[in-house]
Protein backbone atom coordinates (compact mmCIF):
# COMPACT_ATOMS: atom_id res chain seq x y z
CA UNK A 1 -1.85 25.24 -6.75
CA UNK A 2 -5.45 23.69 -8.12
CA UNK A 3 -6.08 20.01 -9.17
CA UNK A 4 -8.05 16.79 -8.66
CA UNK A 5 -7.07 17.02 -4.99
CA UNK A 6 -7.25 20.61 -4.06
CA UNK A 7 -7.46 21.39 -0.26
CA UNK A 8 -7.40 17.40 0.54
CA UNK A 9 -5.18 16.28 3.28
CA UNK A 10 -2.76 13.78 2.95
CA UNK A 11 -0.21 11.77 4.68
CA UNK A 12 1.90 9.47 2.58
CA UNK A 13 4.38 6.96 4.61
CA UNK A 14 7.84 6.20 3.21
CA UNK A 15 7.52 9.22 1.14
CA UNK A 16 11.14 10.41 0.91
CA UNK A 17 12.23 7.96 -2.18
CA UNK A 18 10.60 6.04 -5.00
CA UNK A 19 7.37 5.38 -5.32
CA UNK A 20 6.36 7.21 -2.25
CA UNK A 21 8.08 10.46 -3.08
CA UNK A 22 6.31 10.32 -6.62
CA UNK A 23 3.11 10.08 -4.71
CA UNK A 24 3.91 13.07 -2.56
CA UNK A 25 4.81 15.12 -5.25
CA UNK A 26 1.79 14.31 -7.44
CA UNK A 27 -0.45 14.90 -4.57
CA UNK A 28 1.01 18.20 -4.15
CA UNK A 29 0.55 19.40 -7.70
CA UNK A 30 -2.85 18.28 -7.49
CA UNK A 31 -3.22 20.45 -4.71
CA UNK A 32 -3.21 18.61 -1.93
CA UNK A 33 -1.36 19.39 1.48
CA UNK A 34 1.21 16.86 2.21
CA UNK A 35 2.72 15.27 4.99
CA UNK A 36 5.99 13.75 3.92
CA UNK A 37 6.70 10.53 6.44
CA UNK A 38 10.03 8.94 5.99
CA UNK A 39 12.51 7.47 8.43
CA UNK A 40 15.18 7.90 5.61
CA UNK A 41 16.54 4.30 6.39
CA UNK A 42 18.26 1.89 3.99
CA UNK A 43 16.39 -0.15 1.89
CA UNK A 44 16.94 -2.99 4.73
CA UNK A 45 15.54 -0.72 7.28
CA UNK A 46 18.94 0.45 8.72
CA UNK A 47 19.98 3.87 9.42
CA UNK A 48 17.96 6.90 9.22
CA UNK A 49 18.19 10.40 8.00
CA UNK A 50 15.95 13.30 7.74
CA UNK A 51 17.34 14.61 4.20
CA UNK A 52 14.62 12.56 1.93
CA UNK A 53 11.59 13.76 3.64
CA UNK A 54 13.24 17.34 3.51
CA UNK A 55 14.14 17.14 0.25
CA UNK A 56 10.85 16.17 -0.96
CA UNK A 57 8.89 18.85 1.53
CA UNK A 58 11.08 21.45 -0.05
CA UNK A 59 10.32 20.46 -3.82
CA UNK A 60 6.66 20.91 -2.60
CA UNK A 61 6.71 24.16 -1.19
CA UNK A 62 9.09 25.32 -4.13
CA UNK A 63 5.97 24.62 -6.34
CA UNK A 64 3.91 26.49 -3.96
CA UNK A 65 2.33 23.79 -2.24
CA UNK A 66 2.22 22.99 1.65
CA UNK A 67 4.19 20.21 3.01
CA UNK A 68 5.04 18.95 6.73
CA UNK A 69 8.04 16.46 7.52
CA UNK A 70 7.38 13.82 9.87
CA UNK A 71 10.26 11.19 10.89
CA UNK A 72 7.77 9.11 12.77
CA UNK A 73 8.03 5.24 12.55
CA UNK A 74 5.17 4.05 10.58
CA UNK A 75 5.00 0.98 12.39
CA UNK A 76 5.16 2.64 16.04
CA UNK A 77 1.61 3.13 17.84
CA UNK A 78 2.18 5.92 19.84
CA UNK A 79 4.21 7.79 17.04
CA UNK A 80 1.64 7.32 14.11
CA UNK A 81 -1.13 8.68 16.71
CA UNK A 82 1.39 11.85 17.28
CA UNK A 83 1.59 11.91 13.65
CA UNK A 84 -2.11 12.03 13.22
CA UNK A 85 -2.66 14.79 15.58
CA UNK A 86 0.15 16.72 14.36
CA UNK A 87 -1.65 16.40 10.75
CA UNK A 88 -4.94 17.52 12.09
CA UNK A 89 -3.40 20.46 14.40
CA UNK A 90 -1.17 22.01 11.52
CA UNK A 91 -3.69 21.46 8.48
CA UNK A 92 -6.93 21.20 10.34
CA UNK A 93 -7.81 17.89 9.10
CA UNK A 94 -7.10 14.48 7.35
CA UNK A 95 -8.51 13.05 4.32
CA UNK A 96 -6.31 10.47 2.89
CA UNK A 97 -3.80 7.99 4.22
CA UNK A 98 -1.33 6.44 1.80
CA UNK A 99 0.65 3.55 3.24
CA UNK A 100 3.79 2.94 1.46
CA UNK A 101 6.29 2.30 3.84
CA UNK A 102 8.37 -0.66 3.62
CA UNK A 103 11.73 -2.67 3.40
CA UNK A 104 13.16 -5.92 2.26
CA UNK A 105 15.19 -8.70 3.94
CA UNK A 106 14.75 -11.35 1.24
CA UNK A 107 15.80 -14.70 2.24
CA UNK A 108 14.89 -18.45 0.99
CA UNK A 109 12.40 -19.33 3.50
CA UNK A 110 14.39 -21.91 5.26
CA UNK A 111 17.09 -19.62 5.65
CA UNK A 112 14.94 -16.58 7.15
CA UNK A 113 15.73 -15.56 10.70
CA UNK A 114 13.17 -14.59 13.26
CA UNK A 115 14.50 -11.32 13.45
CA UNK A 116 14.04 -10.58 9.46
CA UNK A 117 10.83 -12.37 9.55
CA UNK A 118 9.33 -9.52 12.66
CA UNK A 119 11.19 -6.96 10.93
CA UNK A 120 9.41 -7.33 7.70
CA UNK A 121 6.25 -8.27 9.18
CA UNK A 122 6.20 -5.02 11.41
CA UNK A 123 7.16 -2.47 8.74
CA UNK A 124 4.82 -3.82 6.51
CA UNK A 125 1.74 -5.20 8.25
CA UNK A 126 1.92 -3.34 11.22
CA UNK A 127 3.09 -0.30 9.30
CA UNK A 128 -0.13 -0.53 7.49
CA UNK A 129 -2.32 -0.79 10.91
CA UNK A 130 -0.91 1.85 12.72
CA UNK A 131 -1.57 5.23 11.06
CA UNK A 132 -4.69 3.93 9.43
CA UNK A 133 -6.26 2.91 12.61
CA UNK A 134 -5.83 6.22 14.15
CA UNK A 135 -6.94 8.07 11.15
CA UNK A 136 -9.58 6.04 11.08
CA UNK A 137 -10.93 6.80 14.95
CA UNK A 138 -10.64 10.36 14.09
CA UNK A 139 -12.98 9.71 10.77
CA UNK A 140 -15.14 7.51 13.03
CA UNK A 141 -15.60 10.35 15.60
CA UNK A 142 -16.40 12.92 12.96
CA UNK A 143 -19.01 10.86 11.33
CA UNK A 144 -20.60 9.94 14.57
CA UNK A 145 -20.42 13.85 15.84
CA UNK A 146 -22.80 14.42 12.43
CA UNK A 147 -19.86 15.48 10.23
CA UNK A 148 -19.62 14.61 6.49
CA UNK A 149 -16.57 12.23 5.74
CA UNK A 150 -15.12 11.71 2.53
CA UNK A 151 -11.99 10.16 3.38
CA UNK A 152 -9.46 7.49 1.83
CA UNK A 153 -7.05 4.85 3.00
CA UNK A 154 -4.85 3.22 0.10
CA UNK A 155 -2.84 0.62 0.85
CA UNK A 156 0.60 -0.77 -0.94
CA UNK A 157 0.16 -4.57 -1.75
CA UNK A 158 2.56 -6.27 -4.35
CA UNK A 159 1.98 -9.47 -6.68
CA UNK A 160 4.34 -11.28 -4.36
CA UNK A 161 1.40 -11.09 -1.98
CA UNK A 162 -1.05 -11.95 -4.46
CA UNK A 163 0.75 -14.62 -6.19
CA UNK A 164 3.89 -15.52 -3.71
CA UNK A 165 7.31 -15.01 -4.58
CA UNK A 166 10.47 -17.29 -4.38
CA UNK A 167 12.90 -15.75 -1.67
CA UNK A 168 10.39 -13.47 -0.19
CA UNK A 169 8.31 -15.48 2.38
CA UNK A 170 8.01 -12.61 4.72
CA UNK A 171 7.49 -9.87 2.26
CA UNK A 172 4.77 -11.89 0.60
CA UNK A 173 3.05 -12.93 3.73
CA UNK A 174 2.92 -9.27 4.90
CA UNK A 175 1.61 -8.07 1.49
CA UNK A 176 -0.75 -10.83 1.41
CA UNK A 177 -2.16 -9.80 4.59
CA UNK A 178 -2.31 -6.19 3.33
CA UNK A 179 -4.65 -6.99 0.62
CA UNK A 180 -6.78 -8.82 3.11
CA UNK A 181 -6.91 -6.01 5.69
CA UNK A 182 -7.84 -3.63 2.77
CA UNK A 183 -11.27 -5.69 2.43
CA UNK A 184 -11.91 -5.47 5.87
CA UNK A 185 -11.39 -1.91 6.09
CA UNK A 186 -13.54 -1.14 3.27
CA UNK A 187 -16.09 -3.29 4.87
CA UNK A 188 -16.41 -1.66 7.98
CA UNK A 189 -15.53 1.90 7.32
CA UNK A 190 -17.93 2.65 4.41
CA UNK A 191 -20.58 3.58 7.01
CA UNK A 192 -18.11 6.33 8.13
CA UNK A 193 -17.45 7.70 4.51
CA UNK A 194 -14.01 6.24 4.26
CA UNK A 195 -13.09 3.91 1.39
CA UNK A 196 -9.84 1.60 1.13
CA UNK A 197 -8.26 0.21 -1.83
CA UNK A 198 -5.03 -1.23 -2.30
CA UNK A 199 -2.52 -1.37 -5.25
CA UNK A 200 0.29 -3.83 -6.14
CA UNK A 201 2.57 -1.64 -8.37
CA UNK A 202 5.68 -2.36 -10.45
CA UNK A 203 8.06 0.18 -10.48
CA UNK A 204 12.10 0.66 -10.40
CA UNK A 205 12.66 1.46 -6.75
CA UNK A 206 15.84 0.66 -4.44
CA UNK A 207 14.25 -2.36 -3.62
CA UNK A 208 13.64 -3.89 -6.94
CA UNK A 209 16.61 -2.54 -8.56
CA UNK A 210 18.82 -5.19 -7.17
CA UNK A 211 16.10 -7.97 -8.07
CA UNK A 212 15.22 -7.00 -11.35
CA UNK A 213 17.85 -6.05 -13.77
CA UNK A 214 15.80 -5.33 -16.56
CA UNK A 215 13.86 -2.16 -15.15
CA UNK A 216 16.60 -0.04 -16.33
CA UNK A 217 15.49 3.17 -18.13
CA UNK A 218 15.08 3.21 -21.75
CA UNK A 219 18.16 5.03 -23.27
CA UNK A 220 16.60 6.45 -26.34
CA UNK A 221 13.97 8.83 -23.99
CA UNK A 222 11.17 6.46 -24.80
CA UNK A 223 8.39 5.93 -22.35
CA UNK A 224 9.78 4.36 -19.11
CA UNK A 225 7.36 1.77 -17.89
CA UNK A 226 9.12 1.07 -14.94
CA UNK A 227 9.41 4.71 -13.75
CA UNK A 228 7.68 5.06 -10.12
CA UNK A 229 5.86 8.28 -11.34
CA UNK A 230 3.47 5.85 -13.38
CA UNK A 231 1.82 4.39 -10.16
CA UNK A 232 0.89 7.81 -8.67
CA UNK A 233 -1.84 8.99 -10.59
CA UNK A 234 -3.84 6.02 -9.97
CA UNK A 235 -3.27 6.49 -6.05
CA UNK A 236 -4.06 10.40 -6.46
CA UNK A 237 -7.34 9.47 -8.34
CA UNK A 238 -8.42 7.25 -5.72
CA UNK A 239 -7.34 9.76 -2.63
CA UNK A 240 -9.68 12.39 -4.58
CA UNK A 241 -13.29 13.30 -4.31
CA UNK A 242 -13.99 11.37 -7.49
CA UNK A 243 -13.38 7.97 -6.12
CA UNK A 244 -15.82 7.69 -3.63
CA UNK A 245 -17.89 5.06 -5.01
CA UNK A 246 -14.95 2.57 -5.30
CA UNK A 247 -13.71 0.51 -2.34
CA UNK A 248 -12.36 -2.87 -1.22
CA UNK A 249 -10.39 -3.37 -4.52
CA UNK A 250 -7.01 -4.39 -5.05
CA UNK A 251 -5.64 -2.57 -8.33
CA UNK A 252 -2.39 -3.69 -10.42
CA UNK A 253 -0.74 -0.95 -11.92
CA UNK A 254 2.60 -0.50 -13.85
CA UNK A 255 3.60 1.96 -16.67
CA UNK A 256 0.47 2.79 -18.43
CA UNK A 257 -1.31 -0.42 -17.19
CA UNK A 258 -4.44 -0.59 -14.75
CA UNK A 259 -6.04 -3.43 -13.95
CA UNK A 260 -7.78 -5.48 -10.98
CA UNK A 261 -6.55 -8.52 -9.33
CA UNK A 262 -9.62 -10.61 -8.14
CA UNK A 263 -8.20 -12.38 -5.51
CA UNK A 264 -9.58 -15.47 -3.71
CA UNK A 265 -12.98 -16.65 -4.41
CA UNK A 266 -15.28 -19.30 -3.84
CA UNK A 267 -14.07 -22.26 -6.10
CA UNK A 268 -16.10 -25.81 -7.47
CA UNK A 269 -17.30 -28.02 -4.64
CA UNK A 270 -18.09 -31.45 -4.32
CA UNK A 271 -20.74 -32.19 -1.44
CA UNK A 272 -21.37 -35.82 -0.34
CA UNK A 273 -23.94 -34.51 2.12
CA UNK A 274 -22.47 -36.29 5.00
CA UNK A 275 -18.96 -37.00 6.89
CA UNK A 276 -16.35 -37.94 4.33
CA UNK A 277 -14.03 -41.25 5.13
CA UNK A 278 -10.52 -40.53 4.67
CA UNK A 279 -10.12 -42.88 1.80
CA UNK A 280 -12.83 -41.00 -0.01
CA UNK A 281 -11.43 -37.61 0.09
CA UNK A 282 -8.35 -38.38 -2.71
CA UNK A 283 -10.86 -38.92 -5.72
CA UNK A 284 -13.05 -35.70 -4.29
CA UNK A 285 -10.09 -33.40 -3.96
CA UNK A 286 -8.94 -34.37 -7.63
CA UNK A 287 -12.70 -34.02 -8.82
CA UNK A 288 -12.44 -30.26 -7.40
CA UNK A 289 -9.00 -29.72 -8.94
CA UNK A 290 -10.29 -30.87 -12.09
CA UNK A 291 -12.99 -28.24 -12.31
CA UNK A 292 -10.51 -25.45 -10.88
CA UNK A 293 -8.73 -22.72 -12.56
CA UNK A 294 -4.85 -23.37 -12.63
CA UNK A 295 -3.28 -20.93 -10.39
CA UNK A 296 -1.06 -18.01 -11.33
CA UNK A 297 2.44 -19.29 -11.16
CA UNK A 298 4.55 -18.11 -7.96
CA UNK A 299 7.13 -15.18 -9.06
CA UNK A 300 10.46 -17.24 -10.04
CA UNK A 301 9.57 -20.35 -10.65
């Protein structure tokens, strides 16, 4: 096999179904050796099975590619350390980490339980930390030893994390944290030859089907803008050698659309030049808000 990622070694977490599955298959089509990581759990994180990961790995092998199955928990420090080490021992290195694993436990904010909050933050935010942290240490050591590193971290944020989403406080908080984490990774890891970017994808998956009933595939055989396979070309390009100058960005992607999300920026200010009195603050706040752009609406409002 040959392609844009010929010979590159890629870990994709949550690669058994949906968007992660599409990433793993497209990386393989483009010549990468792929670690298919998935616990095989349900969309709320319960249960587990090796079948989804095994099926994707078999599809890769059937197309002539190389695949390694991993059932590691993406949010477990020790298991992800072992995952990175097994990848290096099996394939001789590591070039790309695609953090994709996650699940939903949607609740209105005042109905969200501590266990639900902790579970969602763990799988998304800590799950984005663990594998990339171990990989980052490997790449830093390579760089300090004088080796050329051309590595990638690709994170998965969400419109819910960028603009908020009613009924998804934990998910939105985690995905917003992932966008910020991406900026820090890009700033810190560039010196070692590592880029970090994030995507905010919109596609039909198990997690979205129950929420967005309008994301069904067209019956006329036309372009399916909600197909998860539409997300993967951008991710594969970001994982390739061609993307080495692109880092610290958040890309929105759906169907044939690729765009960027600018995120928080410094806005208009009012400077008194001395300490404000509380009864002066209101007028200053209204003046600043009049000069500021109207925020994007929260999803669901």
